Amino acid sequence: MLITVFISTAIIFILLTVAGLKIPGDVTETGSIIFTALVVIFVFSIVFMFFPVENTFLLFLAAMFVLLTAIYTVYEFTIICSNYVRDVEVIGVAVYLYLSFFNLLANIIAVVRR
C-alpha cells in the first residue's frame, strides 16, 4: 500500500509541476493567501492533536492540507518559471519543494488510512 501511495504522490507532484510551469500570468499576489490558509490548517491540526475530534473531521483536515499544499506547489513552480527566484534563494526553494512532496505524501497516507 505504501509503494502505491508513494507512486501516486510522485505522479501528482509531476502533474503539479507541469501545471505550475504552464500557468500564464502573474500569480505573486496569491502566495500570501495560500500560505496563510496553510498556516491556519497547520495550527488547527496541532490544536486537534490534543483535543478529541471525530475521525471524519481529521480526514477533512488532511484532505484540505493536501489540497492547499498542491495549490502552493503549483504557485512555487509558477514563481520559479517566472524567474522571481534569485540565486541565493535556490536552496530554500529546493528544500521547500522537498518538504512539499513529503507533506503531500504524509497527508495522502493519512487520507488513505482513514
PDB file of N, CA and C in Angstrom:
ATOM      1  N   MET A   1       0.817  -1.188   0.000  1.00  0.00           N
ATOM      2  CA  MET A   1       0.000   0.000   0.000  1.00  0.00           C
ATOM      3  C   MET A   1       0.870   1.265   0.000  1.00  0.00           C
ATOM      4  N   LEU A   2       1.966   1.254   0.773  1.00  0.00           N
ATOM      5  CA  LEU A   2       2.812   2.440   0.838  1.00  0.00           C
ATOM      6  C   LEU A   2       3.514   2.724  -0.484  1.00  0.00           C
ATOM      7  N   ILE A   3       3.865   1.690  -1.207  1.00  0.00           N
ATOM      8  CA  ILE A   3       4.506   1.894  -2.505  1.00  0.00           C
ATOM      9  C   ILE A   3       3.513   2.510  -3.475  1.00  0.00           C
ATOM     10  N   THR A   4       2.285   2.063  -3.446  1.00  0.00           N
ATOM     11  CA  THR A   4       1.245   2.632  -4.299  1.00  0.00           C
ATOM     12  C   THR A   4       1.004   4.094  -3.971  1.00  0.00           C
ATOM     13  N   VAL A   5       0.965   4.425  -2.691  1.00  0.00           N
ATOM     14  CA  VAL A   5       0.764   5.814  -2.280  1.00  0.00           C
ATOM     15  C   VAL A   5       1.961   6.664  -2.693  1.00  0.00           C
ATOM     16  N   PHE A   6       3.174   6.128  -2.567  1.00  0.00           N
ATOM     17  CA  PHE A   6       4.368   6.875  -2.975  1.00  0.00           C
ATOM     18  C   PHE A   6       4.357   7.144  -4.476  1.00  0.00           C
ATOM     19  N   ILE A   7       4.033   6.136  -5.260  1.00  0.00           N
ATOM     20  CA  ILE A   7       3.979   6.310  -6.716  1.00  0.00           C
ATOM     21  C   ILE A   7       2.881   7.301  -7.088  1.00  0.00           C
ATOM     22  N   SER A   8       1.734   7.216  -6.430  1.00  0.00           N
ATOM     23  CA  SER A   8       0.648   8.157  -6.689  1.00  0.00           C
ATOM     24  C   SER A   8       1.051   9.583  -6.328  1.00  0.00           C
ATOM     25  N   THR A   9       1.744   9.751  -5.214  1.00  0.00           N
ATOM     26  CA  THR A   9       2.213  11.083  -4.821  1.00  0.00           C
ATOM     27  C   THR A   9       3.228  11.618  -5.822  1.00  0.00           C
ATOM     28  N   ALA A  10       4.117  10.775  -6.305  1.00  0.00           N
ATOM     29  CA  ALA A  10       5.094  11.206  -7.300  1.00  0.00           C
ATOM     30  C   ALA A  10       4.409  11.646  -8.590  1.00  0.00           C
ATOM     31  N   ILE A  11       3.397  10.909  -9.008  1.00  0.00           N
ATOM     32  CA  ILE A  11       2.651  11.280 -10.214  1.00  0.00           C
ATOM     33  C   ILE A  11       1.916  12.599  -9.999  1.00  0.00           C
ATOM     34  N   ILE A  12       1.298  12.769  -8.846  1.00  0.00           N
ATOM     35  CA  ILE A  12       0.607  14.022  -8.529  1.00  0.00           C
ATOM     36  C   ILE A  12       1.595  15.175  -8.521  1.00  0.00           C
ATOM     37  N   PHE A  13       2.765  14.969  -7.941  1.00  0.00           N
ATOM     38  CA  PHE A  13       3.776  16.030  -7.871  1.00  0.00           C
ATOM     39  C   PHE A  13       4.268  16.408  -9.266  1.00  0.00           C
ATOM     40  N   ILE A  14       4.438  15.430 -10.134  1.00  0.00           N
ATOM     41  CA  ILE A  14       4.846  15.714 -11.512  1.00  0.00           C
ATOM     42  C   ILE A  14       3.759  16.493 -12.240  1.00  0.00           C
ATOM     43  N   LEU A  15       2.505  16.116 -12.045  1.00  0.00           N
ATOM     44  CA  LEU A  15       1.405  16.850 -12.668  1.00  0.00           C
ATOM     45  C   LEU A  15       1.307  18.278 -12.132  1.00  0.00           C
ATOM     46  N   LEU A  16       1.566  18.458 -10.841  1.00  0.00           N
ATOM     47  CA  LEU A  16       1.577  19.804 -10.269  1.00  0.00           C
ATOM     48  C   LEU A  16       2.720  20.628 -10.848  1.00  0.00           C
ATOM     49  N   THR A  17       3.849  19.977 -11.095  1.00  0.00           N
ATOM     50  CA  THR A  17       4.986  20.658 -11.712  1.00  0.00           C
ATOM     51  C   THR A  17       4.623  21.143 -13.109  1.00  0.00           C
ATOM     52  N   VAL A  18       4.010  20.282 -13.899  1.00  0.00           N
ATOM     53  CA  VAL A  18       3.605  20.658 -15.253  1.00  0.00           C
ATOM     54  C   VAL A  18       2.581  21.786 -15.203  1.00  0.00           C
ATOM     55  N   ALA A  19       1.633  21.706 -14.286  1.00  0.00           N
ATOM     56  CA  ALA A  19       0.629  22.765 -14.150  1.00  0.00           C
ATOM     57  C   ALA A  19       1.285  24.081 -13.764  1.00  0.00           C
ATOM     58  N   GLY A  20       2.234  24.034 -12.848  1.00  0.00           N
ATOM     59  CA  GLY A  20       2.920  25.248 -12.425  1.00  0.00           C
ATOM     60  C   GLY A  20       3.749  25.875 -13.526  1.00  0.00           C
ATOM     61  N   LEU A  21       4.302  25.049 -14.385  1.00  0.00           N
ATOM     62  CA  LEU A  21       5.112  25.575 -15.478  1.00  0.00           C
ATOM     63  C   LEU A  21       4.271  26.108 -16.627  1.00  0.00           C
ATOM     64  N   LYS A  22       3.029  25.666 -16.747  1.00  0.00           N
ATOM     65  CA  LYS A  22       2.175  26.064 -17.866  1.00  0.00           C
ATOM     66  C   LYS A  22       1.229  27.219 -17.549  1.00  0.00           C
ATOM     67  N   ILE A  23       1.070  27.589 -16.284  1.00  0.00           N
ATOM     68  CA  ILE A  23       0.132  28.658 -15.925  1.00  0.00           C
ATOM     69  C   ILE A  23       0.718  29.999 -16.359  1.00  0.00           C
ATOM     70  N   PRO A  24      -0.014  30.721 -17.211  1.00  0.00           N
ATOM     71  CA  PRO A  24       0.496  32.030 -17.628  1.00  0.00           C
ATOM     72  C   PRO A  24       0.083  33.116 -16.633  1.00  0.00           C
ATOM     73  N   GLY A  25       0.753  34.219 -16.694  1.00  0.00           N
ATOM     74  CA  GLY A  25       0.356  35.363 -15.886  1.00  0.00           C
ATOM     75  C   GLY A  25       1.116  35.486 -14.585  1.00  0.00           C
ATOM     76  N   ASP A  26       0.766  36.540 -13.857  1.00  0.00           N
ATOM     77  CA  ASP A  26       1.427  36.867 -12.606  1.00  0.00           C
ATOM     78  C   ASP A  26       0.575  36.382 -11.436  1.00  0.00           C
ATOM     79  N   VAL A  27       1.128  35.489 -10.637  1.00  0.00           N
ATOM     80  CA  VAL A  27       0.381  34.928  -9.506  1.00  0.00           C
ATOM     81  C   VAL A  27       1.027  35.286  -8.170  1.00  0.00           C
ATOM     82  N   THR A  28       1.856  36.310  -8.161  1.00  0.00           N
ATOM     83  CA  THR A  28       2.592  36.642  -6.943  1.00  0.00           C
ATOM     84  C   THR A  28       1.685  37.102  -5.812  1.00  0.00           C
ATOM     85  N   GLU A  29       0.509  37.645  -6.131  1.00  0.00           N
ATOM     86  CA  GLU A  29      -0.396  38.124  -5.075  1.00  0.00           C
ATOM     87  C   GLU A  29      -1.065  36.979  -4.317  1.00  0.00           C
ATOM     88  N   THR A  30      -1.201  35.839  -4.949  1.00  0.00           N
ATOM     89  CA  THR A  30      -1.922  34.734  -4.318  1.00  0.00           C
ATOM     90  C   THR A  30      -1.091  33.965  -3.302  1.00  0.00           C
ATOM     91  N   GLY A  31       0.215  34.160  -3.307  1.00  0.00           N
ATOM     92  CA  GLY A  31       1.091  33.404  -2.411  1.00  0.00           C
ATOM     93  C   GLY A  31       0.802  33.640  -0.945  1.00  0.00           C
ATOM     94  N   SER A  32       0.565  34.882  -0.565  1.00  0.00           N
ATOM     95  CA  SER A  32       0.308  35.172   0.847  1.00  0.00           C
ATOM     96  C   SER A  32      -1.027  34.584   1.304  1.00  0.00           C
ATOM     97  N   ILE A  33      -2.007  34.569   0.431  1.00  0.00           N
ATOM     98  CA  ILE A  33      -3.311  33.998   0.778  1.00  0.00           C
ATOM     99  C   ILE A  33      -3.188  32.490   0.986  1.00  0.00           C
ATOM    100  N   ILE A  34      -2.513  31.823   0.071  1.00  0.00           N
ATOM    101  CA  ILE A  34      -2.344  30.372   0.168  1.00  0.00           C
ATOM    102  C   ILE A  34      -1.509  30.010   1.392  1.00  0.00           C
ATOM    103  N   PHE A  35      -0.443  30.765   1.644  1.00  0.00           N
ATOM    104  CA  PHE A  35       0.407  30.489   2.793  1.00  0.00           C
ATOM    105  C   PHE A  35      -0.361  30.690   4.095  1.00  0.00           C
ATOM    106  N   THR A  36      -1.185  31.728   4.165  1.00  0.00           N
ATOM    107  CA  THR A  36      -1.994  31.961   5.363  1.00  0.00           C
ATOM    108  C   THR A  36      -2.969  30.808   5.594  1.00  0.00           C
ATOM    109  N   ALA A  37      -3.587  30.331   4.533  1.00  0.00           N
ATOM    110  CA  ALA A  37      -4.506  29.189   4.666  1.00  0.00           C
ATOM    111  C   ALA A  37      -3.761  27.944   5.136  1.00  0.00           C
ATOM    112  N   LEU A  38      -2.546  27.731   4.631  1.00  0.00           N
ATOM    113  CA  LEU A  38      -1.743  26.586   5.091  1.00  0.00           C
ATOM    114  C   LEU A  38      -1.387  26.697   6.566  1.00  0.00           C
ATOM    115  N   VAL A  39      -1.046  27.895   7.011  1.00  0.00           N
ATOM    116  CA  VAL A  39      -0.712  28.093   8.428  1.00  0.00           C
ATOM    117  C   VAL A  39      -1.946  27.851   9.302  1.00  0.00           C
ATOM    118  N   VAL A  40      -3.108  28.313   8.869  1.00  0.00           N
ATOM    119  CA  VAL A  40      -4.339  28.099   9.644  1.00  0.00           C
ATOM    120  C   VAL A  40      -4.642  26.609   9.758  1.00  0.00           C
ATOM    121  N   ILE A  41      -4.550  25.878   8.651  1.00  0.00           N
ATOM    122  CA  ILE A  41      -4.790  24.428   8.684  1.00  0.00           C
ATOM    123  C   ILE A  41      -3.761  23.740   9.579  1.00  0.00           C
ATOM    124  N   PHE A  42      -2.511  24.172   9.508  1.00  0.00           N
ATOM    125  CA  PHE A  42      -1.464  23.592  10.343  1.00  0.00           C
ATOM    126  C   PHE A  42      -1.748  23.836  11.825  1.00  0.00           C
ATOM    127  N   VAL A  43      -2.161  25.047  12.186  1.00  0.00           N
ATOM    128  CA  VAL A  43      -2.486  25.358  13.590  1.00  0.00           C
ATOM    129  C   VAL A  43      -3.663  24.510  14.059  1.00  0.00           C
ATOM    130  N   PHE A  44      -4.687  24.377  13.206  1.00  0.00           N
ATOM    131  CA  PHE A  44      -5.816  23.520  13.576  1.00  0.00           C
ATOM    132  C   PHE A  44      -5.370  22.079  13.798  1.00  0.00           C
ATOM    133  N   SER A  45      -4.471  21.581  12.949  1.00  0.00           N
ATOM    134  CA  SER A  45      -4.022  20.199  13.123  1.00  0.00           C
ATOM    135  C   SER A  45      -3.223  20.033  14.414  1.00  0.00           C
ATOM    136  N   ILE A  46      -2.457  21.042  14.806  1.00  0.00           N
ATOM    137  CA  ILE A  46      -1.731  20.984  16.082  1.00  0.00           C
ATOM    138  C   ILE A  46      -2.701  21.011  17.254  1.00  0.00           C
ATOM    139  N   VAL A  47      -3.679  21.887  17.197  1.00  0.00           N
ATOM    140  CA  VAL A  47      -4.659  22.005  18.292  1.00  0.00           C
ATOM    141  C   VAL A  47      -5.452  20.718  18.451  1.00  0.00           C
ATOM    142  N   PHE A  48      -5.854  20.124  17.318  1.00  0.00           N
ATOM    143  CA  PHE A  48      -6.692  18.926  17.405  1.00  0.00           C
ATOM    144  C   PHE A  48      -5.904  17.667  17.711  1.00  0.00           C
ATOM    145  N   MET A  49      -4.579  17.771  17.848  1.00  0.00           N
ATOM    146  CA  MET A  49      -3.817  16.629  18.348  1.00  0.00           C
ATOM    147  C   MET A  49      -4.073  16.434  19.836  1.00  0.00           C
ATOM    148  N   PHE A  50      -4.450  17.513  20.535  1.00  0.00           N
ATOM    149  CA  PHE A  50      -4.643  17.454  21.979  1.00  0.00           C
ATOM    150  C   PHE A  50      -6.107  17.352  22.392  1.00  0.00           C
ATOM    151  N   PHE A  51      -7.024  17.613  21.462  1.00  0.00           N
ATOM    152  CA  PHE A  51      -8.448  17.537  21.766  1.00  0.00           C
ATOM    153  C   PHE A  51      -9.078  16.433  20.922  1.00  0.00           C
ATOM    154  N   PRO A  52      -9.949  15.638  21.529  1.00  0.00           N
ATOM    155  CA  PRO A  52     -10.576  14.566  20.752  1.00  0.00           C
ATOM    156  C   PRO A  52     -11.600  15.127  19.763  1.00  0.00           C
ATOM    157  N   VAL A  53     -11.473  14.720  18.522  1.00  0.00           N
ATOM    158  CA  VAL A  53     -12.425  15.091  17.483  1.00  0.00           C
ATOM    159  C   VAL A  53     -12.768  13.839  16.694  1.00  0.00           C
ATOM    160  N   GLU A  54     -13.801  13.965  15.881  1.00  0.00           N
ATOM    161  CA  GLU A  54     -14.227  12.812  15.087  1.00  0.00           C
ATOM    162  C   GLU A  54     -13.220  12.500  13.989  1.00  0.00           C
ATOM    163  N   ASN A  55     -13.218  11.261  13.589  1.00  0.00           N
ATOM    164  CA  ASN A  55     -12.323  10.796  12.547  1.00  0.00           C
ATOM    165  C   ASN A  55     -12.631  11.476  11.216  1.00  0.00           C
ATOM    166  N   THR A  56     -13.901  11.777  10.980  1.00  0.00           N
ATOM    167  CA  THR A  56     -14.299  12.444   9.744  1.00  0.00           C
ATOM    168  C   THR A  56     -13.692  13.838   9.647  1.00  0.00           C
ATOM    169  N   PHE A  57     -13.639  14.552  10.760  1.00  0.00           N
ATOM    170  CA  PHE A  57     -13.054  15.882  10.747  1.00  0.00           C
ATOM    171  C   PHE A  57     -11.563  15.830  10.475  1.00  0.00           C
ATOM    172  N   LEU A  58     -10.877  14.845  11.031  1.00  0.00           N
ATOM    173  CA  LEU A  58      -9.445  14.688  10.769  1.00  0.00           C
ATOM    174  C   LEU A  58      -9.192  14.326   9.306  1.00  0.00           C
ATOM    175  N   LEU A  59     -10.080  13.530   8.720  1.00  0.00           N
ATOM    176  CA  LEU A  59      -9.983  13.209   7.303  1.00  0.00           C
ATOM    177  C   LEU A  59     -10.160  14.472   6.465  1.00  0.00           C
ATOM    178  N   PHE A  60     -11.136  15.297   6.829  1.00  0.00           N
ATOM    179  CA  PHE A  60     -11.356  16.564   6.133  1.00  0.00           C
ATOM    180  C   PHE A  60     -10.142  17.474   6.264  1.00  0.00           C
ATOM    181  N   LEU A  61      -9.559  17.526   7.445  1.00  0.00           N
ATOM    182  CA  LEU A  61      -8.379  18.362   7.688  1.00  0.00           C
ATOM    183  C   LEU A  61      -7.192  17.892   6.843  1.00  0.00           C
ATOM    184  N   ALA A  62      -6.983  16.587   6.767  1.00  0.00           N
ATOM    185  CA  ALA A  62      -5.889  16.056   5.948  1.00  0.00           C
ATOM    186  C   ALA A  62      -6.129  16.317   4.461  1.00  0.00           C
ATOM    187  N   ALA A  63      -7.378  16.180   4.030  1.00  0.00           N
ATOM    188  CA  ALA A  63      -7.702  16.443   2.630  1.00  0.00           C
ATOM    189  C   ALA A  63      -7.505  17.921   2.282  1.00  0.00           C
ATOM    190  N   MET A  64      -7.871  18.818   3.187  1.00  0.00           N
ATOM    191  CA  MET A  64      -7.663  20.248   2.957  1.00  0.00           C
ATOM    192  C   MET A  64      -6.172  20.572   2.910  1.00  0.00           C
ATOM    193  N   PHE A  65      -5.399  19.921   3.758  1.00  0.00           N
ATOM    194  CA  PHE A  65      -3.952  20.146   3.758  1.00  0.00           C
ATOM    195  C   PHE A  65      -3.334  19.670   2.446  1.00  0.00           C
ATOM    196  N   VAL A  66      -3.809  18.538   1.921  1.00  0.00           N
ATOM    197  CA  VAL A  66      -3.322  18.045   0.626  1.00  0.00           C
ATOM    198  C   VAL A  66      -3.665  19.043  -0.472  1.00  0.00           C
ATOM    199  N   LEU A  67      -4.893  19.537  -0.466  1.00  0.00           N
ATOM    200  CA  LEU A  67      -5.325  20.487  -1.491  1.00  0.00           C
ATOM    201  C   LEU A  67      -4.514  21.782  -1.437  1.00  0.00           C
ATOM    202  N   LEU A  68      -4.346  22.337  -0.248  1.00  0.00           N
ATOM    203  CA  LEU A  68      -3.610  23.587  -0.125  1.00  0.00           C
ATOM    204  C   LEU A  68      -2.127  23.416  -0.429  1.00  0.00           C
ATOM    205  N   THR A  69      -1.549  22.286  -0.056  1.00  0.00           N
ATOM    206  CA  THR A  69      -0.148  22.024  -0.388  1.00  0.00           C
ATOM    207  C   THR A  69       0.020  21.891  -1.894  1.00  0.00           C
ATOM    208  N   ALA A  70      -0.949  21.247  -2.548  1.00  0.00           N
ATOM    209  CA  ALA A  70      -0.891  21.121  -4.006  1.00  0.00           C
ATOM    210  C   ALA A  70      -0.979  22.488  -4.675  1.00  0.00           C
ATOM    211  N   ILE A  71      -1.884  23.332  -4.205  1.00  0.00           N
ATOM    212  CA  ILE A  71      -2.020  24.675  -4.777  1.00  0.00           C
ATOM    213  C   ILE A  71      -0.748  25.484  -4.542  1.00  0.00           C
ATOM    214  N   TYR A  72      -0.179  25.384  -3.360  1.00  0.00           N
ATOM    215  CA  TYR A  72       1.054  26.130  -3.062  1.00  0.00           C
ATOM    216  C   TYR A  72       2.236  25.605  -3.879  1.00  0.00           C
ATOM    217  N   THR A  73       2.256  24.319  -4.177  1.00  0.00           N
ATOM    218  CA  THR A  73       3.314  23.754  -5.017  1.00  0.00           C
ATOM    219  C   THR A  73       3.210  24.301  -6.435  1.00  0.00           C
ATOM    220  N   VAL A  74       1.994  24.378  -6.959  1.00  0.00           N
ATOM    221  CA  VAL A  74       1.800  24.978  -8.287  1.00  0.00           C
ATOM    222  C   VAL A  74       2.254  26.435  -8.265  1.00  0.00           C
ATOM    223  N   TYR A  75       1.926  27.155  -7.197  1.00  0.00           N
ATOM    224  CA  TYR A  75       2.356  28.542  -7.056  1.00  0.00           C
ATOM    225  C   TYR A  75       3.880  28.653  -7.065  1.00  0.00           C
ATOM    226  N   GLU A  76       4.557  27.783  -6.320  1.00  0.00           N
ATOM    227  CA  GLU A  76       6.025  27.826  -6.264  1.00  0.00           C
ATOM    228  C   GLU A  76       6.649  27.563  -7.631  1.00  0.00           C
ATOM    229  N   PHE A  77       6.111  26.590  -8.362  1.00  0.00           N
ATOM    230  CA  PHE A  77       6.658  26.313  -9.688  1.00  0.00           C
ATOM    231  C   PHE A  77       6.379  27.456 -10.654  1.00  0.00           C
ATOM    232  N   THR A  78       5.262  28.138 -10.495  1.00  0.00           N
ATOM    233  CA  THR A  78       4.980  29.304 -11.324  1.00  0.00           C
ATOM    234  C   THR A  78       5.968  30.425 -11.016  1.00  0.00           C
ATOM    235  N   ILE A  79       6.282  30.615  -9.746  1.00  0.00           N
ATOM    236  CA  ILE A  79       7.264  31.622  -9.355  1.00  0.00           C
ATOM    237  C   ILE A  79       8.649  31.265  -9.915  1.00  0.00           C
ATOM    238  N   ILE A  80       9.016  29.995  -9.862  1.00  0.00           N
ATOM    239  CA  ILE A  80      10.300  29.556 -10.402  1.00  0.00           C
ATOM    240  C   ILE A  80      10.351  29.799 -11.912  1.00  0.00           C
ATOM    241  N   CYS A  81       9.272  29.458 -12.594  1.00  0.00           N
ATOM    242  CA  CYS A  81       9.221  29.626 -14.050  1.00  0.00           C
ATOM    243  C   CYS A  81       9.251  31.094 -14.447  1.00  0.00           C
ATOM    244  N   SER A  82       8.714  31.967 -13.615  1.00  0.00           N
ATOM    245  CA  SER A  82       8.677  33.404 -13.919  1.00  0.00           C
ATOM    246  C   SER A  82       9.965  34.114 -13.532  1.00  0.00           C
ATOM    247  N   ASN A  83      10.961  33.373 -13.071  1.00  0.00           N
ATOM    248  CA  ASN A  83      12.269  33.908 -12.693  1.00  0.00           C
ATOM    249  C   ASN A  83      12.205  34.897 -11.535  1.00  0.00           C
ATOM    250  N   TYR A  84      11.285  34.672 -10.600  1.00  0.00           N
ATOM    251  CA  TYR A  84      11.232  35.503  -9.409  1.00  0.00           C
ATOM    252  C   TYR A  84      12.146  34.990  -8.307  1.00  0.00           C
ATOM    253  N   VAL A  85      12.836  33.896  -8.551  1.00  0.00           N
ATOM    254  CA  VAL A  85      13.727  33.306  -7.556  1.00  0.00           C
ATOM    255  C   VAL A  85      15.153  33.758  -7.850  1.00  0.00           C
ATOM    256  N   ARG A  86      15.780  34.356  -6.861  1.00  0.00           N
ATOM    257  CA  ARG A  86      17.174  34.778  -7.012  1.00  0.00           C
ATOM    258  C   ARG A  86      18.106  33.602  -6.749  1.00  0.00           C
ATOM    259  N   ASP A  87      19.345  33.773  -7.112  1.00  0.00           N
ATOM    260  CA  ASP A  87      20.318  32.688  -6.963  1.00  0.00           C
ATOM    261  C   ASP A  87      20.504  32.253  -5.513  1.00  0.00           C
ATOM    262  N   VAL A  88      20.426  33.181  -4.582  1.00  0.00           N
ATOM    263  CA  VAL A  88      20.620  32.832  -3.173  1.00  0.00           C
ATOM    264  C   VAL A  88      19.402  32.110  -2.595  1.00  0.00           C
ATOM    265  N   GLU A  89      18.270  32.161  -3.284  1.00  0.00           N
ATOM    266  CA  GLU A  89      17.048  31.525  -2.790  1.00  0.00           C
ATOM    267  C   GLU A  89      16.839  30.116  -3.334  1.00  0.00           C
ATOM    268  N   VAL A  90      17.710  29.658  -4.201  1.00  0.00           N
ATOM    269  CA  VAL A  90      17.520  28.370  -4.862  1.00  0.00           C
ATOM    270  C   VAL A  90      17.504  27.219  -3.864  1.00  0.00           C
ATOM    271  N   ILE A  91      18.402  27.226  -2.905  1.00  0.00           N
ATOM    272  CA  ILE A  91      18.463  26.139  -1.921  1.00  0.00           C
ATOM    273  C   ILE A  91      17.194  26.128  -1.071  1.00  0.00           C
ATOM    274  N   GLY A  92      16.725  27.294  -0.663  1.00  0.00           N
ATOM    275  CA  GLY A  92      15.491  27.372   0.114  1.00  0.00           C
ATOM    276  C   GLY A  92      14.289  26.865  -0.657  1.00  0.00           C
ATOM    277  N   VAL A  93      14.214  27.187  -1.936  1.00  0.00           N
ATOM    278  CA  VAL A  93      13.105  26.717  -2.767  1.00  0.00           C
ATOM    279  C   VAL A  93      13.193  25.206  -2.953  1.00  0.00           C
ATOM    280  N   ALA A  94      14.398  24.685  -3.138  1.00  0.00           N
ATOM    281  CA  ALA A  94      14.564  23.232  -3.279  1.00  0.00           C
ATOM    282  C   ALA A  94      14.144  22.508  -2.008  1.00  0.00           C
ATOM    283  N   VAL A  95      14.511  23.060  -0.855  1.00  0.00           N
ATOM    284  CA  VAL A  95      14.092  22.462   0.421  1.00  0.00           C
ATOM    285  C   VAL A  95      12.577  22.528   0.562  1.00  0.00           C
ATOM    286  N   TYR A  96      11.981  23.663   0.176  1.00  0.00           N
ATOM    287  CA  TYR A  96      10.530  23.767   0.262  1.00  0.00           C
ATOM    288  C   TYR A  96       9.850  22.730  -0.630  1.00  0.00           C
ATOM    289  N   LEU A  97      10.352  22.550  -1.854  1.00  0.00           N
ATOM    290  CA  LEU A  97       9.731  21.570  -2.752  1.00  0.00           C
ATOM    291  C   LEU A  97       9.863  20.154  -2.194  1.00  0.00           C
ATOM    292  N   TYR A  98      10.990  19.849  -1.566  1.00  0.00           N
ATOM    293  CA  TYR A  98      11.141  18.550  -0.915  1.00  0.00           C
ATOM    294  C   TYR A  98      10.120  18.395   0.216  1.00  0.00           C
ATOM    295  N   LEU A  99       9.990  19.432   1.048  1.00  0.00           N
ATOM    296  CA  LEU A  99       9.017  19.373   2.141  1.00  0.00           C
ATOM    297  C   LEU A  99       7.586  19.318   1.622  1.00  0.00           C
ATOM    298  N   SER A 100       7.343  19.966   0.519  1.00  0.00           N
ATOM    299  CA  SER A 100       6.018  19.911  -0.087  1.00  0.00           C
ATOM    300  C   SER A 100       5.686  18.491  -0.529  1.00  0.00           C
ATOM    301  N   PHE A 101       6.659  17.823  -1.155  1.00  0.00           N
ATOM    302  CA  PHE A 101       6.455  16.430  -1.548  1.00  0.00           C
ATOM    303  C   PHE A 101       6.214  15.555  -0.325  1.00  0.00           C
ATOM    304  N   PHE A 102       6.999  15.759   0.726  1.00  0.00           N
ATOM    305  CA  PHE A 102       6.840  14.977   1.942  1.00  0.00           C
ATOM    306  C   PHE A 102       5.471  15.224   2.588  1.00  0.00           C
ATOM    307  N   ASN A 103       5.028  16.487   2.627  1.00  0.00           N
ATOM    308  CA  ASN A 103       3.707  16.796   3.195  1.00  0.00           C
ATOM    309  C   ASN A 103       2.587  16.162   2.383  1.00  0.00           C
ATOM    310  N   LEU A 104       2.711  16.213   1.065  1.00  0.00           N
ATOM    311  CA  LEU A 104       1.716  15.538   0.229  1.00  0.00           C
ATOM    312  C   LEU A 104       1.680  14.046   0.529  1.00  0.00           C
ATOM    313  N   LEU A 105       2.853  13.438   0.610  1.00  0.00           N
ATOM    314  CA  LEU A 105       2.926  12.003   0.886  1.00  0.00           C
ATOM    315  C   LEU A 105       2.327  11.666   2.246  1.00  0.00           C
ATOM    316  N   ALA A 106       2.710  12.396   3.268  1.00  0.00           N
ATOM    317  CA  ALA A 106       2.213  12.106   4.618  1.00  0.00           C
ATOM    318  C   ALA A 106       0.708  12.294   4.724  1.00  0.00           C
ATOM    319  N   ASN A 107       0.180  13.335   4.096  1.00  0.00           N
ATOM    320  CA  ASN A 107      -1.255  13.569   4.215  1.00  0.00           C
ATOM    321  C   ASN A 107      -2.070  12.662   3.302  1.00  0.00           C
ATOM    322  N   ILE A 108      -1.518  12.240   2.179  1.00  0.00           N
ATOM    323  CA  ILE A 108      -2.220  11.256   1.362  1.00  0.00           C
ATOM    324  C   ILE A 108      -2.259   9.921   2.094  1.00  0.00           C
ATOM    325  N   ILE A 109      -1.181   9.578   2.789  1.00  0.00           N
ATOM    326  CA  ILE A 109      -1.211   8.361   3.619  1.00  0.00           C
ATOM    327  C   ILE A 109      -2.278   8.488   4.696  1.00  0.00           C
ATOM    328  N   ALA A 110      -2.399   9.652   5.312  1.00  0.00           N
ATOM    329  CA  ALA A 110      -3.436   9.854   6.338  1.00  0.00           C
ATOM    330  C   ALA A 110      -4.831   9.721   5.751  1.00  0.00           C
ATOM    331  N   VAL A 111      -5.031  10.225   4.547  1.00  0.00           N
ATOM    332  CA  VAL A 111      -6.345  10.120   3.911  1.00  0.00           C
ATOM    333  C   VAL A 111      -6.649   8.674   3.554  1.00  0.00           C
ATOM    334  N   VAL A 112      -5.666   7.954   3.039  1.00  0.00           N
ATOM    335  CA  VAL A 112      -5.881   6.558   2.642  1.00  0.00           C
ATOM    336  C   VAL A 112      -6.163   5.672   3.851  1.00  0.00           C
ATOM    337  N   ARG A 113      -5.490   5.930   4.961  1.00  0.00           N
ATOM    338  CA  ARG A 113      -5.675   5.084   6.144  1.00  0.00           C
ATOM    339  C   ARG A 113      -7.021   5.303   6.837  1.00  0.00           C
ATOM    340  N   ARG A 114      -7.635   6.440   6.609  1.00  0.00           N
ATOM    341  CA  ARG A 114      -8.927   6.700   7.262  1.00  0.00           C
ATOM    342  C   ARG A 114      -9.978   6.200   6.367  1.00  0.00           C
TER     343      ARG A 114
END
